N, C-alpha and C. Protein backbone atom coordinates (compact mmCIF):
# COMPACT_ATOMS: atom_id res chain seq x y z
N UNK A 1 -3.82 181.64 143.86
CA UNK A 1 -2.73 180.69 143.94
C UNK A 1 -2.57 180.25 145.40
N UNK A 2 -1.84 179.24 145.58
CA UNK A 2 -1.61 178.65 146.90
C UNK A 2 -0.79 179.58 147.79
N UNK A 3 -0.99 179.43 149.09
CA UNK A 3 -0.19 180.17 150.07
C UNK A 3 1.21 179.56 150.21
N UNK A 4 1.37 178.37 149.72
CA UNK A 4 2.66 177.68 149.83
C UNK A 4 3.66 178.29 148.85
N UNK A 5 4.95 178.11 149.09
CA UNK A 5 5.95 178.65 148.16
C UNK A 5 5.89 177.93 146.82
N UNK A 6 6.41 178.59 145.80
CA UNK A 6 6.49 177.96 144.48
C UNK A 6 7.35 176.70 144.57
N UNK A 7 8.48 176.82 145.24
CA UNK A 7 9.43 175.70 145.32
C UNK A 7 9.91 175.52 146.75
N UNK A 8 9.81 174.30 147.21
CA UNK A 8 10.50 173.88 148.43
C UNK A 8 11.72 173.11 147.93
N UNK A 9 12.90 173.69 148.02
CA UNK A 9 14.08 173.04 147.44
C UNK A 9 14.57 171.82 148.20
N UNK A 10 13.99 171.54 149.36
CA UNK A 10 14.53 170.48 150.20
C UNK A 10 14.55 169.10 149.55
N UNK A 11 13.52 168.67 148.81
CA UNK A 11 13.62 167.33 148.20
C UNK A 11 14.84 167.17 147.29
N UNK A 12 15.15 168.19 146.50
CA UNK A 12 16.32 168.10 145.63
C UNK A 12 17.61 168.28 146.42
N UNK A 13 17.60 169.12 147.42
CA UNK A 13 18.79 169.26 148.28
C UNK A 13 19.07 167.95 149.02
N UNK A 14 18.01 167.26 149.42
CA UNK A 14 18.19 165.97 150.09
C UNK A 14 18.96 165.00 149.19
N UNK A 15 18.64 165.00 147.90
CA UNK A 15 19.38 164.14 146.97
C UNK A 15 20.87 164.49 146.97
N UNK A 16 21.15 165.78 146.95
CA UNK A 16 22.55 166.21 146.94
C UNK A 16 23.24 165.86 148.25
N UNK A 17 22.53 165.99 149.35
CA UNK A 17 23.10 165.70 150.67
C UNK A 17 23.43 164.23 150.87
N UNK A 18 22.70 163.35 150.18
CA UNK A 18 23.01 161.92 150.32
C UNK A 18 24.03 161.46 149.30
N UNK A 19 24.58 162.43 148.54
CA UNK A 19 25.68 162.10 147.65
C UNK A 19 25.35 162.03 146.17
N UNK A 20 24.12 162.33 145.80
CA UNK A 20 23.80 162.34 144.37
C UNK A 20 24.59 163.46 143.69
N UNK A 21 25.05 163.22 142.48
CA UNK A 21 25.79 164.28 141.79
C UNK A 21 24.86 165.42 141.39
N UNK A 22 25.41 166.61 141.30
CA UNK A 22 24.62 167.78 140.89
C UNK A 22 24.01 167.55 139.50
N UNK A 23 24.68 166.75 138.70
CA UNK A 23 24.16 166.48 137.36
C UNK A 23 22.80 165.77 137.42
N UNK A 24 22.54 165.01 138.49
CA UNK A 24 21.24 164.35 138.62
C UNK A 24 20.13 165.39 138.76
N UNK A 25 20.35 166.41 139.58
CA UNK A 25 19.35 167.46 139.73
C UNK A 25 19.13 168.14 138.38
N UNK A 26 20.19 168.39 137.63
CA UNK A 26 20.05 169.01 136.32
C UNK A 26 19.27 168.10 135.37
N UNK A 27 19.50 166.79 135.46
CA UNK A 27 18.75 165.84 134.64
C UNK A 27 17.27 165.87 135.00
N UNK A 28 16.96 165.97 136.30
CA UNK A 28 15.57 166.04 136.73
C UNK A 28 14.89 167.31 136.22
N UNK A 29 15.62 168.41 136.23
CA UNK A 29 15.07 169.66 135.71
C UNK A 29 14.84 169.53 134.20
N UNK A 30 15.77 168.92 133.50
CA UNK A 30 15.60 168.71 132.06
C UNK A 30 14.40 167.82 131.77
N UNK A 31 14.22 166.78 132.57
CA UNK A 31 13.04 165.92 132.40
C UNK A 31 11.76 166.69 132.67
N UNK A 32 11.78 167.56 133.66
CA UNK A 32 10.63 168.41 133.96
C UNK A 32 10.29 169.24 132.72
N UNK A 33 11.31 169.85 132.11
CA UNK A 33 11.10 170.69 130.94
C UNK A 33 10.59 169.89 129.74
N UNK A 34 10.97 168.64 129.67
CA UNK A 34 10.57 167.80 128.55
C UNK A 34 9.19 167.18 128.77
N UNK A 35 8.95 166.66 129.96
CA UNK A 35 7.74 165.88 130.21
C UNK A 35 6.52 166.72 130.57
N UNK A 36 6.71 167.76 131.35
CA UNK A 36 5.54 168.51 131.83
C UNK A 36 4.75 169.16 130.69
N UNK A 37 5.37 169.81 129.71
CA UNK A 37 4.55 170.35 128.61
C UNK A 37 3.75 169.26 127.89
N UNK A 38 4.34 168.09 127.73
CA UNK A 38 3.63 166.96 127.11
C UNK A 38 2.41 166.59 127.97
N UNK A 39 2.63 166.46 129.27
CA UNK A 39 1.53 166.11 130.18
C UNK A 39 0.44 167.18 130.19
N UNK A 40 0.87 168.44 130.18
CA UNK A 40 -0.12 169.53 130.15
C UNK A 40 -0.95 169.47 128.88
N UNK A 41 -0.31 169.14 127.77
CA UNK A 41 -1.05 168.99 126.51
C UNK A 41 -2.07 167.87 126.60
N UNK A 42 -1.69 166.76 127.19
CA UNK A 42 -2.63 165.65 127.36
C UNK A 42 -3.78 166.03 128.28
N UNK A 43 -3.46 166.77 129.34
CA UNK A 43 -4.49 167.21 130.27
C UNK A 43 -5.47 168.16 129.58
N UNK A 44 -4.94 169.12 128.84
CA UNK A 44 -5.81 170.06 128.13
C UNK A 44 -6.63 169.36 127.06
N UNK A 45 -6.07 168.37 126.39
CA UNK A 45 -6.83 167.61 125.39
C UNK A 45 -7.97 166.85 126.07
N UNK A 46 -7.69 166.25 127.21
CA UNK A 46 -8.73 165.53 127.94
C UNK A 46 -9.85 166.49 128.35
N UNK A 47 -9.48 167.67 128.81
CA UNK A 47 -10.50 168.64 129.20
C UNK A 47 -11.28 169.12 127.99
N UNK A 48 -10.60 169.30 126.87
CA UNK A 48 -11.26 169.74 125.65
C UNK A 48 -12.30 168.76 125.15
N UNK A 49 -12.09 167.49 125.43
CA UNK A 49 -13.06 166.47 125.04
C UNK A 49 -13.95 166.04 126.20
N UNK A 50 -13.87 166.79 127.30
CA UNK A 50 -14.69 166.54 128.50
C UNK A 50 -14.47 165.14 129.08
N UNK A 51 -13.26 164.61 128.90
CA UNK A 51 -12.92 163.30 129.46
C UNK A 51 -12.32 163.50 130.85
N UNK A 52 -13.20 163.55 131.84
CA UNK A 52 -12.75 163.84 133.20
C UNK A 52 -11.92 162.72 133.80
N UNK A 53 -12.14 161.49 133.36
CA UNK A 53 -11.32 160.38 133.85
C UNK A 53 -9.87 160.54 133.41
N UNK A 54 -9.68 160.86 132.13
CA UNK A 54 -8.32 161.06 131.62
C UNK A 54 -7.71 162.32 132.24
N UNK A 55 -8.51 163.36 132.43
CA UNK A 55 -8.00 164.58 133.04
C UNK A 55 -7.55 164.31 134.47
N UNK A 56 -8.34 163.56 135.21
CA UNK A 56 -7.97 163.24 136.59
C UNK A 56 -6.68 162.43 136.63
N UNK A 57 -6.54 161.48 135.70
CA UNK A 57 -5.34 160.64 135.66
C UNK A 57 -4.10 161.48 135.35
N UNK A 58 -4.20 162.38 134.38
CA UNK A 58 -3.05 163.24 134.04
C UNK A 58 -2.71 164.18 135.19
N UNK A 59 -3.74 164.76 135.81
CA UNK A 59 -3.50 165.65 136.94
C UNK A 59 -2.83 164.89 138.08
N UNK A 60 -3.24 163.65 138.29
CA UNK A 60 -2.65 162.82 139.35
C UNK A 60 -1.17 162.53 139.06
N UNK A 61 -0.87 162.19 137.82
CA UNK A 61 0.52 161.92 137.43
C UNK A 61 1.38 163.16 137.62
N UNK A 62 0.86 164.30 137.17
CA UNK A 62 1.59 165.56 137.34
C UNK A 62 1.80 165.86 138.81
N UNK A 63 0.77 165.69 139.61
CA UNK A 63 0.84 165.98 141.05
C UNK A 63 1.99 165.22 141.70
N UNK A 64 2.13 163.96 141.38
CA UNK A 64 3.20 163.16 141.96
C UNK A 64 4.58 163.62 141.54
N UNK A 65 4.73 163.90 140.25
CA UNK A 65 6.03 164.35 139.75
C UNK A 65 6.40 165.70 140.34
N UNK A 66 5.44 166.59 140.41
CA UNK A 66 5.70 167.93 140.93
C UNK A 66 6.04 167.89 142.41
N UNK A 67 5.36 167.03 143.14
CA UNK A 67 5.65 166.89 144.57
C UNK A 67 7.05 166.39 144.83
N UNK A 68 7.51 165.47 143.99
CA UNK A 68 8.85 164.93 144.20
C UNK A 68 9.94 165.96 143.93
N UNK A 69 9.60 166.99 143.16
CA UNK A 69 10.55 168.07 142.89
C UNK A 69 10.39 169.24 143.85
N UNK A 70 9.40 169.17 144.71
CA UNK A 70 9.17 170.25 145.68
C UNK A 70 8.42 171.44 145.10
N UNK A 71 7.75 171.25 143.98
CA UNK A 71 7.02 172.33 143.32
C UNK A 71 5.61 172.45 143.91
N UNK A 72 5.54 173.11 145.04
CA UNK A 72 4.34 173.08 145.87
C UNK A 72 3.13 173.75 145.25
N UNK A 73 3.27 174.97 144.72
CA UNK A 73 2.10 175.64 144.17
C UNK A 73 1.55 174.91 142.95
N UNK A 74 2.42 174.47 142.07
CA UNK A 74 2.01 173.74 140.87
C UNK A 74 1.36 172.42 141.28
N UNK A 75 1.93 171.76 142.27
CA UNK A 75 1.35 170.52 142.77
C UNK A 75 -0.03 170.76 143.36
N UNK A 76 -0.20 171.84 144.12
CA UNK A 76 -1.50 172.16 144.69
C UNK A 76 -2.54 172.38 143.60
N UNK A 77 -2.15 173.07 142.53
CA UNK A 77 -3.07 173.32 141.42
C UNK A 77 -3.51 172.01 140.79
N UNK A 78 -2.57 171.12 140.53
CA UNK A 78 -2.94 169.84 139.91
C UNK A 78 -3.74 168.98 140.87
N UNK A 79 -3.49 169.07 142.16
CA UNK A 79 -4.29 168.32 143.13
C UNK A 79 -5.73 168.81 143.13
N UNK A 80 -5.92 170.12 143.06
CA UNK A 80 -7.29 170.66 142.99
C UNK A 80 -7.96 170.25 141.69
N UNK A 81 -7.20 170.27 140.60
CA UNK A 81 -7.77 169.83 139.32
C UNK A 81 -8.19 168.37 139.38
N UNK A 82 -7.33 167.56 139.94
CA UNK A 82 -7.66 166.13 140.06
C UNK A 82 -8.94 165.94 140.87
N UNK A 83 -9.04 166.63 141.99
CA UNK A 83 -10.23 166.49 142.85
C UNK A 83 -11.50 166.92 142.12
N UNK A 84 -11.43 168.04 141.42
CA UNK A 84 -12.60 168.51 140.68
C UNK A 84 -12.96 167.54 139.56
N UNK A 85 -11.95 167.05 138.85
CA UNK A 85 -12.22 166.11 137.76
C UNK A 85 -12.84 164.83 138.29
N UNK A 86 -12.33 164.32 139.39
CA UNK A 86 -12.88 163.08 139.97
C UNK A 86 -14.31 163.30 140.47
N UNK A 87 -14.62 164.53 140.87
CA UNK A 87 -15.98 164.84 141.34
C UNK A 87 -16.93 165.18 140.18
N UNK A 88 -16.41 165.14 138.96
CA UNK A 88 -17.26 165.40 137.80
C UNK A 88 -17.53 166.87 137.54
N UNK A 89 -16.69 167.73 138.08
CA UNK A 89 -16.91 169.17 137.94
C UNK A 89 -16.03 169.73 136.82
N UNK A 90 -16.52 169.57 135.60
CA UNK A 90 -15.76 169.96 134.41
C UNK A 90 -15.45 171.45 134.40
N UNK A 91 -16.45 172.29 134.63
CA UNK A 91 -16.24 173.73 134.54
C UNK A 91 -15.17 174.21 135.52
N UNK A 92 -15.21 173.71 136.75
CA UNK A 92 -14.21 174.11 137.74
C UNK A 92 -12.82 173.62 137.34
N UNK A 93 -12.75 172.42 136.77
CA UNK A 93 -11.47 171.87 136.34
C UNK A 93 -10.90 172.70 135.20
N UNK A 94 -11.75 173.05 134.25
CA UNK A 94 -11.32 173.88 133.13
C UNK A 94 -10.86 175.25 133.62
N UNK A 95 -11.60 175.81 134.57
CA UNK A 95 -11.20 177.12 135.13
C UNK A 95 -9.81 177.04 135.75
N UNK A 96 -9.54 175.99 136.49
CA UNK A 96 -8.22 175.83 137.10
C UNK A 96 -7.14 175.65 136.04
N UNK A 97 -7.48 175.01 134.94
CA UNK A 97 -6.51 174.76 133.87
C UNK A 97 -5.97 176.06 133.28
N UNK A 98 -6.72 177.14 133.45
CA UNK A 98 -6.26 178.44 132.94
C UNK A 98 -4.95 178.86 133.60
N UNK A 99 -4.66 178.34 134.79
CA UNK A 99 -3.45 178.71 135.51
C UNK A 99 -2.26 177.80 135.25
N UNK A 100 -2.41 176.80 134.40
CA UNK A 100 -1.34 175.83 134.19
C UNK A 100 -0.08 176.44 133.58
N UNK A 101 -0.24 177.26 132.56
CA UNK A 101 0.94 177.83 131.89
C UNK A 101 1.75 178.69 132.85
N UNK A 102 1.07 179.52 133.63
CA UNK A 102 1.77 180.37 134.60
C UNK A 102 2.42 179.53 135.68
N UNK A 103 1.74 178.48 136.13
CA UNK A 103 2.31 177.62 137.16
C UNK A 103 3.56 176.93 136.65
N UNK A 104 3.53 176.48 135.40
CA UNK A 104 4.70 175.84 134.80
C UNK A 104 5.85 176.84 134.72
N UNK A 105 5.57 178.04 134.23
CA UNK A 105 6.62 179.05 134.08
C UNK A 105 7.23 179.41 135.43
N UNK A 106 6.39 179.60 136.43
CA UNK A 106 6.89 179.93 137.78
C UNK A 106 7.74 178.80 138.34
N UNK A 107 7.27 177.56 138.15
CA UNK A 107 8.00 176.40 138.67
C UNK A 107 9.36 176.27 137.99
N UNK A 108 9.38 176.41 136.68
CA UNK A 108 10.64 176.30 135.95
C UNK A 108 11.61 177.39 136.39
N UNK A 109 11.12 178.60 136.51
CA UNK A 109 11.98 179.70 136.96
C UNK A 109 12.54 179.41 138.35
N UNK A 110 11.70 178.92 139.24
CA UNK A 110 12.16 178.57 140.59
C UNK A 110 13.24 177.52 140.58
N UNK A 111 13.06 176.49 139.76
CA UNK A 111 14.06 175.43 139.66
C UNK A 111 15.38 175.97 139.11
N UNK A 112 15.30 176.73 138.03
CA UNK A 112 16.51 177.22 137.38
C UNK A 112 17.26 178.23 138.24
N UNK A 113 16.54 179.03 138.99
CA UNK A 113 17.20 180.01 139.87
C UNK A 113 17.83 179.34 141.09
N UNK A 114 17.16 178.33 141.62
CA UNK A 114 17.63 177.67 142.83
C UNK A 114 18.73 176.66 142.52
N UNK A 115 18.64 176.02 141.37
CA UNK A 115 19.60 174.99 140.99
C UNK A 115 20.17 175.31 139.60
N UNK A 116 20.96 176.40 139.51
CA UNK A 116 21.50 176.78 138.20
C UNK A 116 22.50 175.73 137.70
N UNK A 117 22.54 175.61 136.40
CA UNK A 117 23.51 174.69 135.79
C UNK A 117 24.91 175.23 136.07
N UNK A 118 25.80 174.32 136.40
CA UNK A 118 27.17 174.74 136.72
C UNK A 118 28.14 174.38 135.63
């Protein structure tokens, strides 16, 4: 796994500091819980059919969303997956995909612990 922390809370704290309501952060966490499993399913389906173009596109989309939430380790994983998929390295991309479920669980736990619902 990456040397970076699971979560850098600063991007979400920045939203709160500029006056966004706490409910916005909770909405973003809810969207994460709703959208990321769907995206992971699409990514795994693309890998299952050896469609590296689709896998790279899904990994890229995930990377952007994860970065905006400060989910550094999960973002790093998807960035590596995207790079391998774009380079045509299916086996390496599939190997990295083995860590997706744990990365999702760690990221969600980090979000929920750092930004608990009030």
